[in-house]
């Protein structure tokens, strides 16, 4: 049974998501919350497998869902987070995935009408996977995508490193998985980013864009 905490400041949405999830035999809603403080308190108390949260809630109605995901990574690292947003905003997705994609999902609220999508995202995140709304992927990779396969120029070792990044591993984790030194990992990452057309830009999380290019290319094959 996957135990979930649902957070949304709108009663109808909160109850709708709860009923949608509880229609599945393998998902149980352990608690609900209507603001950031209530969500973090529920996570502390129930230690759920997954949190499903709106991106904007009290107190500021800005990026509470993203801030909650960062806080949950500290207080309950095993808890996955599915962020629901009505905004196809790449910067939110990049911030959500900036510390690793494992156990994180970003979906548009339009997907709630599809009874299977939210439940499937919960299952994927509970298993340590990641889900990104296709609309957001298109926006994120559209400008960086070349007409050819964006992975075509990568060496097999660079592809191994990119696959590890897609699994949410940091440099140390990649080094362990590939049995190489962290310096070698750093060099491989620095060589693969330019090949993907991802040049250094302070406002862009290149690891996130690289992962999304990888997932997009894998899905096209």
Protein backbone atom coordinates (compact mmCIF):
# COMPACT_ATOMS: atom_id res chain seq x y z
CA UNK A 1 0.00 0.00 0.00
CA UNK A 2 1.37 3.41 -1.02
CA UNK A 3 0.64 5.99 1.69
CA UNK A 4 0.05 9.52 0.38
CA UNK A 5 -0.40 13.02 1.79
CA UNK A 6 -2.41 15.39 -0.43
CA UNK A 7 -1.99 19.19 -0.20
CA UNK A 8 -4.07 21.83 -1.98
CA UNK A 9 -5.66 25.02 -0.69
CA UNK A 10 -8.81 24.48 -2.78
CA UNK A 11 -11.24 22.13 -1.05
CA UNK A 12 -12.79 20.73 -4.23
CA UNK A 13 -9.40 19.95 -5.77
CA UNK A 14 -8.10 18.47 -2.52
CA UNK A 15 -11.10 16.19 -2.14
CA UNK A 16 -11.09 15.36 -5.85
CA UNK A 17 -7.47 14.22 -5.80
CA UNK A 18 -8.08 12.26 -2.60
CA UNK A 19 -11.04 10.38 -4.08
CA UNK A 20 -9.19 9.81 -7.33
CA UNK A 21 -6.24 8.22 -5.52
CA UNK A 22 -8.32 6.19 -3.08
CA UNK A 23 -10.16 4.62 -6.01
CA UNK A 24 -6.96 2.59 -6.50
CA UNK A 25 -6.56 -0.50 -4.35
CA UNK A 26 -2.85 0.12 -3.80
CA UNK A 27 -3.01 3.79 -2.68
CA UNK A 28 -4.13 5.14 0.70
CA UNK A 29 -4.43 8.85 1.59
CA UNK A 30 -2.97 9.17 5.09
CA UNK A 31 -3.65 12.91 5.51
CA UNK A 32 -4.61 16.10 3.69
CA UNK A 33 -3.33 19.66 4.10
CA UNK A 34 -4.26 23.09 2.78
CA UNK A 35 -1.03 25.06 3.22
CA UNK A 36 2.75 24.64 3.38
CA UNK A 37 2.98 24.40 7.18
CA UNK A 38 0.17 21.85 7.31
CA UNK A 39 1.83 19.76 4.61
CA UNK A 40 5.21 19.67 6.34
CA UNK A 41 3.54 18.82 9.67
CA UNK A 42 1.67 15.94 8.00
CA UNK A 43 4.90 14.64 6.48
CA UNK A 44 6.61 14.76 9.89
CA UNK A 45 3.72 12.88 11.49
CA UNK A 46 2.88 10.28 8.86
CA UNK A 47 6.14 9.83 6.89
CA UNK A 48 4.20 9.03 3.70
CA UNK A 49 5.62 7.27 0.67
CA UNK A 50 4.50 10.12 -1.60
CA UNK A 51 3.23 13.69 -1.31
CA UNK A 52 0.88 15.09 -3.97
CA UNK A 53 0.93 18.86 -3.68
CA UNK A 54 -0.29 21.96 -5.46
CA UNK A 55 2.51 24.28 -6.52
CA UNK A 56 0.89 27.44 -5.08
CA UNK A 57 -0.64 27.45 -1.60
CA UNK A 58 -0.75 29.69 1.47
CA UNK A 59 1.02 31.55 2.86
CA UNK A 60 2.42 33.27 -0.27
CA UNK A 61 0.74 31.49 -3.21
CA UNK A 62 4.03 31.44 -5.13
CA UNK A 63 6.14 28.27 -5.09
CA UNK A 64 5.13 26.44 -1.91
CA UNK A 65 5.06 23.06 -3.68
CA UNK A 66 8.66 23.45 -4.84
CA UNK A 67 9.78 24.65 -1.40
CA UNK A 68 7.95 21.73 0.20
CA UNK A 69 9.79 19.28 -2.07
CA UNK A 70 13.14 20.71 -1.00
CA UNK A 71 12.17 20.57 2.69
CA UNK A 72 10.85 17.00 2.35
CA UNK A 73 14.15 15.89 0.81
CA UNK A 74 15.75 16.96 4.12
CA UNK A 75 13.19 15.79 6.67
CA UNK A 76 11.95 12.62 4.95
CA UNK A 77 14.33 11.64 2.11
CA UNK A 78 12.39 8.48 1.26
CA UNK A 79 9.19 10.44 0.53
CA UNK A 80 8.54 11.13 -3.14
CA UNK A 81 6.83 14.31 -4.34
CA UNK A 82 4.33 14.83 -7.16
CA UNK A 83 3.81 18.54 -7.87
CA UNK A 84 0.55 19.52 -9.59
CA UNK A 85 0.51 22.86 -11.36
CA UNK A 86 -1.80 24.71 -13.71
CA UNK A 87 1.29 26.37 -15.17
CA UNK A 88 3.51 24.81 -17.86
CA UNK A 89 6.40 26.77 -16.40
CA UNK A 90 9.87 25.30 -17.11
CA UNK A 91 11.57 27.20 -14.27
CA UNK A 92 9.39 25.42 -11.69
CA UNK A 93 10.26 22.01 -13.15
CA UNK A 94 13.97 22.83 -13.26
CA UNK A 95 13.90 23.93 -9.62
CA UNK A 96 12.02 20.77 -8.60
CA UNK A 97 14.60 18.54 -10.32
CA UNK A 98 17.67 20.63 -9.47
CA UNK A 99 18.80 18.26 -6.69
CA UNK A 100 17.98 15.07 -8.58
CA UNK A 101 15.04 13.68 -10.51
CA UNK A 102 14.59 10.48 -8.50
CA UNK A 103 11.27 10.41 -6.64
CA UNK A 104 10.01 13.64 -8.18
CA UNK A 105 7.21 14.39 -10.67
CA UNK A 106 5.82 17.56 -12.23
CA UNK A 107 2.34 17.30 -13.77
CA UNK A 108 -0.14 19.84 -15.04
CA UNK A 109 -3.49 19.88 -13.25
CA UNK A 110 -5.18 19.12 -16.55
CA UNK A 111 -3.99 15.54 -16.02
CA UNK A 112 -6.32 15.15 -13.02
CA UNK A 113 -9.18 14.54 -15.47
CA UNK A 114 -7.31 11.44 -16.66
CA UNK A 115 -7.94 9.08 -13.77
CA UNK A 116 -4.85 7.00 -14.46
CA UNK A 117 -2.17 9.66 -14.83
CA UNK A 118 -1.92 10.92 -11.25
CA UNK A 119 -2.07 7.41 -9.82
CA UNK A 120 0.62 6.23 -12.22
CA UNK A 121 2.80 9.20 -11.28
CA UNK A 122 2.39 8.32 -7.59
CA UNK A 123 3.44 4.72 -8.27
CA UNK A 124 6.43 5.78 -10.37
CA UNK A 125 7.63 8.28 -7.76
CA UNK A 126 7.10 5.78 -4.92
CA UNK A 127 9.39 3.41 -6.81
CA UNK A 128 12.08 6.10 -7.07
CA UNK A 129 11.28 7.11 -10.63
CA UNK A 130 10.48 10.46 -12.17
CA UNK A 131 7.67 11.89 -14.30
CA UNK A 132 7.57 15.16 -16.24
CA UNK A 133 4.50 16.48 -18.00
CA UNK A 134 5.00 16.21 -21.79
CA UNK A 135 4.00 19.85 -22.26
CA UNK A 136 6.79 20.97 -19.94
CA UNK A 137 9.32 18.68 -21.63
CA UNK A 138 8.51 20.27 -25.00
CA UNK A 139 9.13 23.75 -23.61
CA UNK A 140 12.33 22.74 -21.85
CA UNK A 141 14.02 20.94 -24.70
CA UNK A 142 12.52 22.74 -27.69
CA UNK A 143 15.18 25.42 -27.93
CA UNK A 144 18.07 23.06 -27.21
CA UNK A 145 17.01 20.30 -29.57
CA UNK A 146 18.82 19.81 -32.86
CA UNK A 147 17.16 18.19 -35.92
CA UNK A 148 19.34 15.11 -35.42
CA UNK A 149 19.39 12.77 -32.45
CA UNK A 150 20.77 14.96 -29.61
CA UNK A 151 22.58 11.95 -28.14
CA UNK A 152 24.25 10.91 -31.40
CA UNK A 153 27.58 12.62 -30.63
CA UNK A 154 27.95 11.21 -27.12
CA UNK A 155 30.48 8.46 -26.44
CA UNK A 156 29.26 5.25 -24.75
CA UNK A 157 30.84 6.43 -21.48
CA UNK A 158 29.13 9.81 -21.73
CA UNK A 159 25.82 8.02 -22.33
CA UNK A 160 26.45 5.94 -19.18
CA UNK A 161 27.02 9.13 -17.21
CA UNK A 162 23.89 10.76 -18.64
CA UNK A 163 21.82 7.68 -17.77
CA UNK A 164 23.11 7.91 -14.19
CA UNK A 165 22.19 11.60 -14.04
CA UNK A 166 18.70 10.66 -15.24
CA UNK A 167 18.47 8.26 -12.28
CA UNK A 168 19.09 11.19 -9.92
CA UNK A 169 22.64 10.24 -8.98
CA UNK A 170 25.10 12.95 -7.94
CA UNK A 171 28.74 12.90 -9.05
CA UNK A 172 29.78 10.64 -6.18
CA UNK A 173 26.98 8.21 -6.95
CA UNK A 174 27.91 8.15 -10.63
CA UNK A 175 31.55 7.48 -9.76
CA UNK A 176 30.52 4.52 -7.60
CA UNK A 177 28.10 3.13 -10.21
CA UNK A 178 30.66 3.33 -13.02
CA UNK A 179 33.69 2.47 -10.89
CA UNK A 180 35.61 5.60 -11.85
CA UNK A 181 36.91 8.61 -9.95
CA UNK A 182 34.81 11.70 -9.30
CA UNK A 183 37.25 13.79 -11.34
CA UNK A 184 36.64 11.53 -14.33
CA UNK A 185 32.89 11.95 -13.85
CA UNK A 186 33.28 15.73 -13.72
CA UNK A 187 35.30 15.67 -16.95
CA UNK A 188 32.72 13.50 -18.71
CA UNK A 189 29.88 15.78 -17.61
CA UNK A 190 31.79 18.84 -18.81
CA UNK A 191 32.31 17.18 -22.19
CA UNK A 192 28.75 15.95 -22.72
CA UNK A 193 26.95 19.23 -21.93
CA UNK A 194 28.38 21.12 -24.95
CA UNK A 195 27.60 18.16 -27.21
CA UNK A 196 23.95 18.50 -26.14
CA UNK A 197 24.03 22.22 -26.90
CA UNK A 198 23.81 23.11 -23.21
CA UNK A 199 26.24 25.97 -22.71
CA UNK A 200 26.93 27.52 -19.28
CA UNK A 201 24.08 29.82 -18.31
CA UNK A 202 23.60 30.89 -14.66
CA UNK A 203 19.81 30.72 -14.82
CA UNK A 204 19.65 27.23 -16.36
CA UNK A 205 20.07 23.90 -14.56
CA UNK A 206 22.00 22.04 -17.24
CA UNK A 207 21.70 18.69 -15.46
CA UNK A 208 17.90 18.96 -15.63
CA UNK A 209 17.90 19.89 -19.31
CA UNK A 210 20.35 17.07 -20.07
CA UNK A 211 18.08 14.56 -18.32
CA UNK A 212 15.04 15.79 -20.21
CA UNK A 213 16.90 15.58 -23.53
CA UNK A 214 17.89 12.02 -22.61
CA UNK A 215 14.35 10.99 -21.68
CA UNK A 216 12.90 12.70 -24.75
CA UNK A 217 15.38 10.96 -27.06
CA UNK A 218 14.77 7.59 -25.40
CA UNK A 219 11.03 7.99 -25.87
CA UNK A 220 11.49 8.81 -29.55
CA UNK A 221 13.41 5.59 -30.24
